[in-house]
């Protein structure tokens, strides 16, 4: 029986990653590649597929797993809304009740 090939791990400077971020995200998601981004030759951050990252977080901390399960239940039950909608609501609330300056003693 053949073992599946190991995922490709790529190292590159953050400046180059910034220019090609969309392409890196696609390769991480579609091809399962990993990217280690370096600043001045020092590894500082990694890029991987979000599903795999969630799996990693679940293994690391059971509380994260419970939080993600609850979030997925909320999504399935329709108890979510787009972030833009929430931000618009918060902006409207801020405009209706501006913060009053505090009085100095």
PDB file of N, CA and C in Angstrom:
ATOM      1  N   UNK A   1       0.840  -1.176   0.000  1.00  0.00           N
ATOM      2  CA  UNK A   1       0.000   0.000   0.000  1.00  0.00           C
ATOM      3  C   UNK A   1       0.885   1.239   0.000  1.00  0.00           C
ATOM      4  N   UNK A   2       0.561   2.174  -0.873  1.00  0.00           N
ATOM      5  CA  UNK A   2       1.331   3.406  -0.996  1.00  0.00           C
ATOM      6  C   UNK A   2       0.873   4.448   0.004  1.00  0.00           C
ATOM      7  N   UNK A   3       1.831   5.130   0.579  1.00  0.00           N
ATOM      8  CA  UNK A   3       1.512   6.238   1.468  1.00  0.00           C
ATOM      9  C   UNK A   3       1.219   7.471   0.625  1.00  0.00           C
ATOM     10  N   UNK A   4       0.274   8.294   1.068  1.00  0.00           N
ATOM     11  CA  UNK A   4       0.028   9.532   0.325  1.00  0.00           C
ATOM     12  C   UNK A   4       1.257  10.426   0.404  1.00  0.00           C
ATOM     13  N   UNK A   5       1.498  11.213  -0.639  1.00  0.00           N
ATOM     14  CA  UNK A   5       2.679  12.086  -0.614  1.00  0.00           C
ATOM     15  C   UNK A   5       2.562  13.125   0.498  1.00  0.00           C
ATOM     16  N   UNK A   6       3.713  13.478   1.045  1.00  0.00           N
ATOM     17  CA  UNK A   6       3.742  14.512   2.085  1.00  0.00           C
ATOM     18  C   UNK A   6       3.372  15.851   1.463  1.00  0.00           C
ATOM     19  N   UNK A   7       2.667  16.684   2.210  1.00  0.00           N
ATOM     20  CA  UNK A   7       2.322  17.995   1.659  1.00  0.00           C
ATOM     21  C   UNK A   7       3.579  18.823   1.440  1.00  0.00           C
ATOM     22  N   UNK A   8       3.522  19.658   0.431  1.00  0.00           N
ATOM     23  CA  UNK A   8       4.664  20.507   0.117  1.00  0.00           C
ATOM     24  C   UNK A   8       4.721  21.671   1.095  1.00  0.00           C
ATOM     25  N   UNK A   9       5.897  21.903   1.647  1.00  0.00           N
ATOM     26  CA  UNK A   9       6.129  23.032   2.542  1.00  0.00           C
ATOM     27  C   UNK A   9       7.030  24.014   1.806  1.00  0.00           C
ATOM     28  N   UNK A  10       6.534  25.222   1.642  1.00  0.00           N
ATOM     29  CA  UNK A  10       7.269  26.265   0.931  1.00  0.00           C
ATOM     30  C   UNK A  10       7.656  27.359   1.913  1.00  0.00           C
ATOM     31  N   UNK A  11       8.845  27.895   1.733  1.00  0.00           N
ATOM     32  CA  UNK A  11       9.321  29.010   2.566  1.00  0.00           C
ATOM     33  C   UNK A  11       9.539  30.201   1.651  1.00  0.00           C
ATOM     34  N   UNK A  12       9.059  31.371   2.094  1.00  0.00           N
ATOM     35  CA  UNK A  12       9.288  32.566   1.292  1.00  0.00           C
ATOM     36  C   UNK A  12       9.200  33.814   2.156  1.00  0.00           C
ATOM     37  N   UNK A  13       9.810  34.896   1.695  1.00  0.00           N
ATOM     38  CA  UNK A  13       9.769  36.148   2.453  1.00  0.00           C
ATOM     39  C   UNK A  13       8.349  36.716   2.496  1.00  0.00           C
ATOM     40  N   UNK A  14       8.024  37.371   3.592  1.00  0.00           N
ATOM     41  CA  UNK A  14       6.698  37.974   3.733  1.00  0.00           C
ATOM     42  C   UNK A  14       6.423  38.954   2.598  1.00  0.00           C
ATOM     43  N   UNK A  15       7.423  39.696   2.181  1.00  0.00           N
ATOM     44  CA  UNK A  15       7.212  40.683   1.109  1.00  0.00           C
ATOM     45  C   UNK A  15       6.753  40.014  -0.178  1.00  0.00           C
ATOM     46  N   UNK A  16       7.317  38.869  -0.500  1.00  0.00           N
ATOM     47  CA  UNK A  16       6.906  38.138  -1.705  1.00  0.00           C
ATOM     48  C   UNK A  16       5.515  37.535  -1.502  1.00  0.00           C
ATOM     49  N   UNK A  17       5.224  37.051  -0.300  1.00  0.00           N
ATOM     50  CA  UNK A  17       3.909  36.471  -0.006  1.00  0.00           C
ATOM     51  C   UNK A  17       2.815  37.525  -0.136  1.00  0.00           C
ATOM     52  N   UNK A  18       3.107  38.738   0.309  1.00  0.00           N
ATOM     53  CA  UNK A  18       2.115  39.819   0.246  1.00  0.00           C
ATOM     54  C   UNK A  18       1.683  40.060  -1.190  1.00  0.00           C
ATOM     55  N   UNK A  19       2.624  40.041  -2.092  1.00  0.00           N
ATOM     56  CA  UNK A  19       2.334  40.276  -3.503  1.00  0.00           C
ATOM     57  C   UNK A  19       1.494  39.147  -4.086  1.00  0.00           C
ATOM     58  N   UNK A  20       1.713  37.919  -3.619  1.00  0.00           N
ATOM     59  CA  UNK A  20       1.059  36.738  -4.181  1.00  0.00           C
ATOM     60  C   UNK A  20       0.076  36.075  -3.217  1.00  0.00           C
ATOM     61  N   UNK A  21      -0.488  36.840  -2.286  1.00  0.00           N
ATOM     62  CA  UNK A  21      -1.305  36.251  -1.227  1.00  0.00           C
ATOM     63  C   UNK A  21      -2.492  35.446  -1.766  1.00  0.00           C
ATOM     64  N   UNK A  22      -3.182  35.967  -2.760  1.00  0.00           N
ATOM     65  CA  UNK A  22      -4.324  35.237  -3.328  1.00  0.00           C
ATOM     66  C   UNK A  22      -3.910  33.888  -3.881  1.00  0.00           C
ATOM     67  N   UNK A  23      -2.804  33.844  -4.575  1.00  0.00           N
ATOM     68  CA  UNK A  23      -2.297  32.593  -5.141  1.00  0.00           C
ATOM     69  C   UNK A  23      -1.888  31.618  -4.039  1.00  0.00           C
ATOM     70  N   UNK A  24      -1.242  32.114  -2.993  1.00  0.00           N
ATOM     71  CA  UNK A  24      -0.841  31.251  -1.880  1.00  0.00           C
ATOM     72  C   UNK A  24      -2.070  30.663  -1.188  1.00  0.00           C
ATOM     73  N   UNK A  25      -3.086  31.500  -0.977  1.00  0.00           N
ATOM     74  CA  UNK A  25      -4.314  31.024  -0.331  1.00  0.00           C
ATOM     75  C   UNK A  25      -4.961  29.924  -1.164  1.00  0.00           C
ATOM     76  N   UNK A  26      -5.007  30.110  -2.461  1.00  0.00           N
ATOM     77  CA  UNK A  26      -5.606  29.099  -3.346  1.00  0.00           C
ATOM     78  C   UNK A  26      -4.812  27.799  -3.287  1.00  0.00           C
ATOM     79  N   UNK A  27      -3.500  27.897  -3.330  1.00  0.00           N
ATOM     80  CA  UNK A  27      -2.668  26.683  -3.291  1.00  0.00           C
ATOM     81  C   UNK A  27      -2.804  25.962  -1.959  1.00  0.00           C
ATOM     82  N   UNK A  28      -2.910  26.721  -0.872  1.00  0.00           N
ATOM     83  CA  UNK A  28      -3.082  26.098   0.443  1.00  0.00           C
ATOM     84  C   UNK A  28      -4.434  25.401   0.517  1.00  0.00           C
ATOM     85  N   UNK A  29      -5.468  26.029  -0.007  1.00  0.00           N
ATOM     86  CA  UNK A  29      -6.818  25.476   0.064  1.00  0.00           C
ATOM     87  C   UNK A  29      -7.016  24.310  -0.907  1.00  0.00           C
ATOM     88  N   UNK A  30      -6.622  24.493  -2.154  1.00  0.00           N
ATOM     89  CA  UNK A  30      -6.890  23.492  -3.191  1.00  0.00           C
ATOM     90  C   UNK A  30      -5.878  22.354  -3.171  1.00  0.00           C
ATOM     91  N   UNK A  31      -4.613  22.685  -3.034  1.00  0.00           N
ATOM     92  CA  UNK A  31      -3.565  21.659  -3.135  1.00  0.00           C
ATOM     93  C   UNK A  31      -3.046  21.172  -1.791  1.00  0.00           C
ATOM     94  N   UNK A  32      -3.476  21.819  -0.702  1.00  0.00           N
ATOM     95  CA  UNK A  32      -3.031  21.395   0.621  1.00  0.00           C
ATOM     96  C   UNK A  32      -1.586  21.736   0.921  1.00  0.00           C
ATOM     97  N   UNK A  33      -1.063  22.743   0.239  1.00  0.00           N
ATOM     98  CA  UNK A  33       0.320  23.147   0.486  1.00  0.00           C
ATOM     99  C   UNK A  33       0.404  23.998   1.750  1.00  0.00           C
ATOM    100  N   UNK A  34       1.596  24.026   2.334  1.00  0.00           N
ATOM    101  CA  UNK A  34       1.873  24.854   3.501  1.00  0.00           C
ATOM    102  C   UNK A  34       2.883  25.917   3.100  1.00  0.00           C
ATOM    103  N   UNK A  35       2.776  27.061   3.742  1.00  0.00           N
ATOM    104  CA  UNK A  35       3.721  28.133   3.482  1.00  0.00           C
ATOM    105  C   UNK A  35       4.232  28.672   4.804  1.00  0.00           C
ATOM    106  N   UNK A  36       5.539  28.794   4.905  1.00  0.00           N
ATOM    107  CA  UNK A  36       6.178  29.415   6.060  1.00  0.00           C
ATOM    108  C   UNK A  36       6.736  30.745   5.567  1.00  0.00           C
ATOM    109  N   UNK A  37       6.234  31.819   6.169  1.00  0.00           N
ATOM    110  CA  UNK A  37       6.665  33.152   5.759  1.00  0.00           C
ATOM    111  C   UNK A  37       7.761  33.629   6.691  1.00  0.00           C
ATOM    112  N   UNK A  38       8.781  34.215   6.086  1.00  0.00           N
ATOM    113  CA  UNK A  38       9.958  34.632   6.836  1.00  0.00           C
ATOM    114  C   UNK A  38      10.137  36.144   6.780  1.00  0.00           C
ATOM    115  N   UNK A  39      10.641  36.684   7.869  1.00  0.00           N
ATOM    116  CA  UNK A  39      11.038  38.095   7.917  1.00  0.00           C
ATOM    117  C   UNK A  39      12.513  38.110   8.271  1.00  0.00           C
ATOM    118  N   UNK A  40      13.302  38.660   7.371  1.00  0.00           N
ATOM    119  CA  UNK A  40      14.754  38.691   7.541  1.00  0.00           C
ATOM    120  C   UNK A  40      15.314  37.277   7.741  1.00  0.00           C
ATOM    121  N   UNK A  41      14.724  36.306   7.030  1.00  0.00           N
ATOM    122  CA  UNK A  41      15.198  34.924   7.097  1.00  0.00           C
ATOM    123  C   UNK A  41      14.718  34.140   8.306  1.00  0.00           C
ATOM    124  N   UNK A  42      13.909  34.768   9.165  1.00  0.00           N
ATOM    125  CA  UNK A  42      13.413  34.099  10.370  1.00  0.00           C
ATOM    126  C   UNK A  42      11.954  33.723  10.156  1.00  0.00           C
ATOM    127  N   UNK A  43      11.598  32.430  10.339  1.00  0.00           N
ATOM    128  CA  UNK A  43      10.198  32.038  10.163  1.00  0.00           C
ATOM    129  C   UNK A  43       9.311  32.688  11.231  1.00  0.00           C
ATOM    130  N   UNK A  44       8.233  33.361  10.773  1.00  0.00           N
ATOM    131  CA  UNK A  44       7.371  34.068  11.718  1.00  0.00           C
ATOM    132  C   UNK A  44       5.906  33.649  11.668  1.00  0.00           C
ATOM    133  N   UNK A  45       5.449  33.081  10.563  1.00  0.00           N
ATOM    134  CA  UNK A  45       4.033  32.741  10.439  1.00  0.00           C
ATOM    135  C   UNK A  45       3.865  31.640   9.389  1.00  0.00           C
ATOM    136  N   UNK A  46       2.780  30.895   9.510  1.00  0.00           N
ATOM    137  CA  UNK A  46       2.485  29.854   8.542  1.00  0.00           C
ATOM    138  C   UNK A  46       1.119  30.041   7.920  1.00  0.00           C
ATOM    139  N   UNK A  47       0.952  29.521   6.713  1.00  0.00           N
ATOM    140  CA  UNK A  47      -0.335  29.551   6.022  1.00  0.00           C
ATOM    141  C   UNK A  47      -0.722  28.108   5.717  1.00  0.00           C
ATOM    142  N   UNK A  48      -1.969  27.763   6.067  1.00  0.00           N
ATOM    143  CA  UNK A  48      -2.496  26.433   5.765  1.00  0.00           C
ATOM    144  C   UNK A  48      -3.995  26.553   5.519  1.00  0.00           C
ATOM    145  N   UNK A  49      -4.604  25.513   4.992  1.00  0.00           N
ATOM    146  CA  UNK A  49      -6.034  25.492   4.724  1.00  0.00           C
ATOM    147  C   UNK A  49      -6.816  25.678   6.021  1.00  0.00           C
ATOM    148  N   UNK A  50      -7.904  26.424   5.973  1.00  0.00           N
ATOM    149  CA  UNK A  50      -8.691  26.738   7.172  1.00  0.00           C
ATOM    150  C   UNK A  50      -9.272  25.491   7.827  1.00  0.00           C
ATOM    151  N   UNK A  51      -9.764  24.532   7.038  1.00  0.00           N
ATOM    152  CA  UNK A  51     -10.317  23.304   7.621  1.00  0.00           C
ATOM    153  C   UNK A  51      -9.250  22.547   8.407  1.00  0.00           C
ATOM    154  N   UNK A  52      -8.074  22.479   7.854  1.00  0.00           N
ATOM    155  CA  UNK A  52      -6.984  21.794   8.543  1.00  0.00           C
ATOM    156  C   UNK A  52      -6.571  22.553   9.801  1.00  0.00           C
ATOM    157  N   UNK A  53      -6.588  23.871   9.712  1.00  0.00           N
ATOM    158  CA  UNK A  53      -6.257  24.685  10.873  1.00  0.00           C
ATOM    159  C   UNK A  53      -7.278  24.479  11.988  1.00  0.00           C
ATOM    160  N   UNK A  54      -8.568  24.395  11.629  1.00  0.00           N
ATOM    161  CA  UNK A  54      -9.595  24.130  12.635  1.00  0.00           C
ATOM    162  C   UNK A  54      -9.367  22.769  13.288  1.00  0.00           C
ATOM    163  N   UNK A  55      -8.993  21.774  12.478  1.00  0.00           N
ATOM    164  CA  UNK A  55      -8.684  20.450  13.040  1.00  0.00           C
ATOM    165  C   UNK A  55      -7.544  20.549  14.045  1.00  0.00           C
ATOM    166  N   UNK A  56      -6.532  21.316  13.697  1.00  0.00           N
ATOM    167  CA  UNK A  56      -5.393  21.510  14.588  1.00  0.00           C
ATOM    168  C   UNK A  56      -5.850  22.152  15.903  1.00  0.00           C
ATOM    169  N   UNK A  57      -6.675  23.191  15.799  1.00  0.00           N
ATOM    170  CA  UNK A  57      -7.149  23.871  17.004  1.00  0.00           C
ATOM    171  C   UNK A  57      -7.988  22.945  17.880  1.00  0.00           C
ATOM    172  N   UNK A  58      -8.804  22.105  17.245  1.00  0.00           N
ATOM    173  CA  UNK A  58      -9.618  21.151  17.997  1.00  0.00           C
ATOM    174  C   UNK A  58      -8.738  20.204  18.806  1.00  0.00           C
ATOM    175  N   UNK A  59      -7.664  19.741  18.202  1.00  0.00           N
ATOM    176  CA  UNK A  59      -6.760  18.831  18.898  1.00  0.00           C
ATOM    177  C   UNK A  59      -6.037  19.533  20.044  1.00  0.00           C
ATOM    178  N   UNK A  60      -5.733  20.799  19.831  1.00  0.00           N
ATOM    179  CA  UNK A  60      -4.961  21.547  20.817  1.00  0.00           C
ATOM    180  C   UNK A  60      -5.794  21.941  22.040  1.00  0.00           C
ATOM    181  N   UNK A  61      -7.063  22.276  21.825  1.00  0.00           N
ATOM    182  CA  UNK A  61      -7.890  22.775  22.929  1.00  0.00           C
ATOM    183  C   UNK A  61      -9.336  22.340  22.734  1.00  0.00           C
ATOM    184  N   UNK A  62      -9.848  21.460  23.580  1.00  0.00           N
ATOM    185  CA  UNK A  62     -11.229  20.982  23.440  1.00  0.00           C
ATOM    186  C   UNK A  62     -12.272  22.090  23.514  1.00  0.00           C
ATOM    187  N   UNK A  63     -11.956  23.202  24.203  1.00  0.00           N
ATOM    188  CA  UNK A  63     -12.906  24.319  24.273  1.00  0.00           C
ATOM    189  C   UNK A  63     -13.131  24.928  22.899  1.00  0.00           C
ATOM    190  N   UNK A  64     -12.071  24.962  22.081  1.00  0.00           N
ATOM    191  CA  UNK A  64     -12.196  25.500  20.727  1.00  0.00           C
ATOM    192  C   UNK A  64     -13.120  24.604  19.917  1.00  0.00           C
ATOM    193  N   UNK A  65     -12.995  23.300  20.104  1.00  0.00           N
ATOM    194  CA  UNK A  65     -13.864  22.368  19.384  1.00  0.00           C
ATOM    195  C   UNK A  65     -15.324  22.629  19.739  1.00  0.00           C
ATOM    196  N   UNK A  66     -15.627  22.800  21.009  1.00  0.00           N
ATOM    197  CA  UNK A  66     -17.001  23.074  21.430  1.00  0.00           C
ATOM    198  C   UNK A  66     -17.498  24.398  20.852  1.00  0.00           C
ATOM    199  N   UNK A  67     -16.629  25.397  20.842  1.00  0.00           N
ATOM    200  CA  UNK A  67     -17.006  26.702  20.299  1.00  0.00           C
ATOM    201  C   UNK A  67     -17.306  26.601  18.802  1.00  0.00           C
ATOM    202  N   UNK A  68     -16.484  25.856  18.051  1.00  0.00           N
ATOM    203  CA  UNK A  68     -16.719  25.691  16.621  1.00  0.00           C
ATOM    204  C   UNK A  68     -17.997  24.899  16.362  1.00  0.00           C
ATOM    205  N   UNK A  69     -18.266  23.872  17.185  1.00  0.00           N
ATOM    206  CA  UNK A  69     -19.494  23.104  17.036  1.00  0.00           C
ATOM    207  C   UNK A  69     -20.711  23.995  17.259  1.00  0.00           C
ATOM    208  N   UNK A  70     -20.658  24.839  18.290  1.00  0.00           N
ATOM    209  CA  UNK A  70     -21.774  25.749  18.552  1.00  0.00           C
ATOM    210  C   UNK A  70     -21.947  26.723  17.394  1.00  0.00           C
ATOM    211  N   UNK A  71     -20.852  27.230  16.880  1.00  0.00           N
ATOM    212  CA  UNK A  71     -20.915  28.149  15.751  1.00  0.00           C
ATOM    213  C   UNK A  71     -21.550  27.475  14.538  1.00  0.00           C
ATOM    214  N   UNK A  72     -21.164  26.241  14.264  1.00  0.00           N
ATOM    215  CA  UNK A  72     -21.747  25.516  13.138  1.00  0.00           C
ATOM    216  C   UNK A  72     -23.236  25.264  13.346  1.00  0.00           C
ATOM    217  N   UNK A  73     -23.654  24.990  14.577  1.00  0.00           N
ATOM    218  CA  UNK A  73     -25.075  24.816  14.877  1.00  0.00           C
ATOM    219  C   UNK A  73     -25.840  26.116  14.622  1.00  0.00           C
ATOM    220  N   UNK A  74     -25.248  27.231  15.036  1.00  0.00           N
ATOM    221  CA  UNK A  74     -25.879  28.533  14.799  1.00  0.00           C
ATOM    222  C   UNK A  74     -26.046  28.796  13.305  1.00  0.00           C
ATOM    223  N   UNK A  75     -25.043  28.454  12.532  1.00  0.00           N
ATOM    224  CA  UNK A  75     -25.115  28.654  11.081  1.00  0.00           C
ATOM    225  C   UNK A  75     -26.239  27.809  10.492  1.00  0.00           C
ATOM    226  N   UNK A  76     -26.276  26.516  10.873  1.00  0.00           N
ATOM    227  CA  UNK A  76     -27.321  25.626  10.343  1.00  0.00           C
ATOM    228  C   UNK A  76     -28.719  26.083  10.758  1.00  0.00           C
ATOM    229  N   UNK A  77     -28.851  26.671  11.948  1.00  0.00           N
ATOM    230  CA  UNK A  77     -30.151  27.106  12.457  1.00  0.00           C
ATOM    231  C   UNK A  77     -30.528  28.508  11.961  1.00  0.00           C
ATOM    232  N   UNK A  78     -29.653  29.131  11.203  1.00  0.00           N
ATOM    233  CA  UNK A  78     -29.952  30.459  10.674  1.00  0.00           C
ATOM    234  C   UNK A  78     -29.811  31.568  11.698  1.00  0.00           C
ATOM    235  N   UNK A  79     -29.040  31.346  12.733  1.00  0.00           N
ATOM    236  CA  UNK A  79     -28.853  32.359  13.777  1.00  0.00           C
ATOM    237  C   UNK A  79     -27.602  33.203  13.523  1.00  0.00           C
ATOM    238  N   UNK A  80     -27.309  33.431  12.280  1.00  0.00           N
ATOM    239  CA  UNK A  80     -26.149  34.251  11.936  1.00  0.00           C
ATOM    240  C   UNK A  80     -26.586  35.309  10.929  1.00  0.00           C
ATOM    241  N   UNK A  81     -25.715  36.273  10.729  1.00  0.00           N
ATOM    242  CA  UNK A  81     -25.965  37.288   9.716  1.00  0.00           C
ATOM    243  C   UNK A  81     -24.630  37.806   9.207  1.00  0.00           C
ATOM    244  N   UNK A  82     -24.644  38.405   8.053  1.00  0.00           N
ATOM    245  CA  UNK A  82     -23.383  38.903   7.489  1.00  0.00           C
ATOM    246  C   UNK A  82     -22.758  39.972   8.377  1.00  0.00           C
ATOM    247  N   UNK A  83     -21.444  39.989   8.416  1.00  0.00           N
ATOM    248  CA  UNK A  83     -20.716  40.966   9.226  1.00  0.00           C
ATOM    249  C   UNK A  83     -21.046  42.393   8.796  1.00  0.00           C
ATOM    250  N   UNK A  84     -21.238  42.609   7.496  1.00  0.00           N
ATOM    251  CA  UNK A  84     -21.552  43.952   7.011  1.00  0.00           C
ATOM    252  C   UNK A  84     -22.855  44.462   7.638  1.00  0.00           C
ATOM    253  N   UNK A  85     -23.823  43.565   7.816  1.00  0.00           N
ATOM    254  CA  UNK A  85     -25.102  43.940   8.418  1.00  0.00           C
ATOM    255  C   UNK A  85     -24.906  44.371   9.876  1.00  0.00           C
ATOM    256  N   UNK A  86     -24.126  43.608  10.613  1.00  0.00           N
ATOM    257  CA  UNK A  86     -23.846  43.940  12.009  1.00  0.00           C
ATOM    258  C   UNK A  86     -23.115  45.273  12.110  1.00  0.00           C
ATOM    259  N   UNK A  87     -22.107  45.474  11.265  1.00  0.00           N
ATOM    260  CA  UNK A  87     -21.349  46.726  11.301  1.00  0.00           C
ATOM    261  C   UNK A  87     -22.228  47.923  10.980  1.00  0.00           C
ATOM    262  N   UNK A  88     -23.130  47.769  10.011  1.00  0.00           N
ATOM    263  CA  UNK A  88     -24.050  48.861   9.666  1.00  0.00           C
ATOM    264  C   UNK A  88     -24.945  49.195  10.852  1.00  0.00           C
ATOM    265  N   UNK A  89     -25.434  48.174  11.542  1.00  0.00           N
ATOM    266  CA  UNK A  89     -26.274  48.391  12.720  1.00  0.00           C
ATOM    267  C   UNK A  89     -25.508  49.122  13.815  1.00  0.00           C
ATOM    268  N   UNK A  90     -24.268  48.717  14.048  1.00  0.00           N
ATOM    269  CA  UNK A  90     -23.454  49.372  15.073  1.00  0.00           C
ATOM    270  C   UNK A  90     -23.180  50.831  14.714  1.00  0.00           C
ATOM    271  N   UNK A  91     -22.948  51.101  13.434  1.00  0.00           N
ATOM    272  CA  UNK A  91     -22.725  52.492  13.002  1.00  0.00           C
ATOM    273  C   UNK A  91     -23.973  53.340  13.240  1.00  0.00           C
ATOM    274  N   UNK A  92     -25.142  52.774  12.941  1.00  0.00           N
ATOM    275  CA  UNK A  92     -26.392  53.506  13.162  1.00  0.00           C
ATOM    276  C   UNK A  92     -26.584  53.801  14.640  1.00  0.00           C
ATOM    277  N   UNK A  93     -26.302  52.827  15.491  1.00  0.00           N
ATOM    278  CA  UNK A  93     -26.436  53.036  16.932  1.00  0.00           C
ATOM    279  C   UNK A  93     -25.491  54.127  17.413  1.00  0.00           C
ATOM    280  N   UNK A  94     -24.294  54.136  16.883  1.00  0.00           N
ATOM    281  CA  UNK A  94     -23.302  55.136  17.268  1.00  0.00           C
ATOM    282  C   UNK A  94     -23.759  56.531  16.848  1.00  0.00           C
ATOM    283  N   UNK A  95     -24.359  56.640  15.666  1.00  0.00           N
ATOM    284  CA  UNK A  95     -24.824  57.939  15.178  1.00  0.00           C
ATOM    285  C   UNK A  95     -26.006  58.453  15.998  1.00  0.00           C
ATOM    286  N   UNK A  96     -26.867  57.547  16.464  1.00  0.00           N
ATOM    287  CA  UNK A  96     -28.044  57.939  17.242  1.00  0.00           C
ATOM    288  C   UNK A  96     -27.678  58.370  18.656  1.00  0.00           C
ATOM    289  N   UNK A  97     -26.675  57.759  19.224  1.00  0.00           N
ATOM    290  CA  UNK A  97     -26.303  58.098  20.605  1.00  0.00           C
ATOM    291  C   UNK A  97     -24.807  58.360  20.687  1.00  0.00           C
ATOM    292  N   UNK A  98     -24.408  59.565  20.273  1.00  0.00           N
ATOM    293  CA  UNK A  98     -22.968  59.891  20.331  1.00  0.00           C
ATOM    294  C   UNK A  98     -22.480  59.893  21.773  1.00  0.00           C
ATOM    295  N   UNK A  99     -21.227  59.576  21.918  1.00  0.00           N
ATOM    296  CA  UNK A  99     -20.607  59.539  23.247  1.00  0.00           C
ATOM    297  C   UNK A  99     -20.432  60.971  23.737  1.00  0.00           C
ATOM    298  N   UNK A 100     -20.930  61.214  24.933  1.00  0.00           N
ATOM    299  CA  UNK A 100     -20.820  62.554  25.524  1.00  0.00           C
ATOM    300  C   UNK A 100     -19.463  62.677  26.227  1.00  0.00           C
ATOM    301  N   UNK A 101     -18.848  63.853  26.111  1.00  0.00           N
ATOM    302  CA  UNK A 101     -17.556  64.032  26.806  1.00  0.00           C
ATOM    303  C   UNK A 101     -17.743  63.921  28.316  1.00  0.00           C
ATOM    304  N   UNK A 102     -16.789  63.325  28.975  1.00  0.00           N
ATOM    305  CA  UNK A 102     -16.891  63.182  30.422  1.00  0.00           C
ATOM    306  C   UNK A 102     -16.518  64.500  31.096  1.00  0.00           C
ATOM    307  N   UNK A 103     -17.157  64.733  32.248  1.00  0.00           N
ATOM    308  CA  UNK A 103     -16.863  65.947  33.011  1.00  0.00           C
ATOM    309  C   UNK A 103     -15.643  65.708  33.874  1.00  0.00           C
ATOM    310  N   UNK A 104     -14.751  66.674  33.864  1.00  0.00           N
ATOM    311  CA  UNK A 104     -13.551  66.551  34.697  1.00  0.00           C
ATOM    312  C   UNK A 104     -13.853  67.108  36.068  1.00  0.00           C
ATOM    313  N   UNK A 105     -13.337  66.466  37.075  1.00  0.00           N
ATOM    314  CA  UNK A 105     -13.592  66.898  38.459  1.00  0.00           C
ATOM    315  C   UNK A 105     -12.713  68.037  38.867  1.00  0.00           C
TER     316      UNK A 105
END
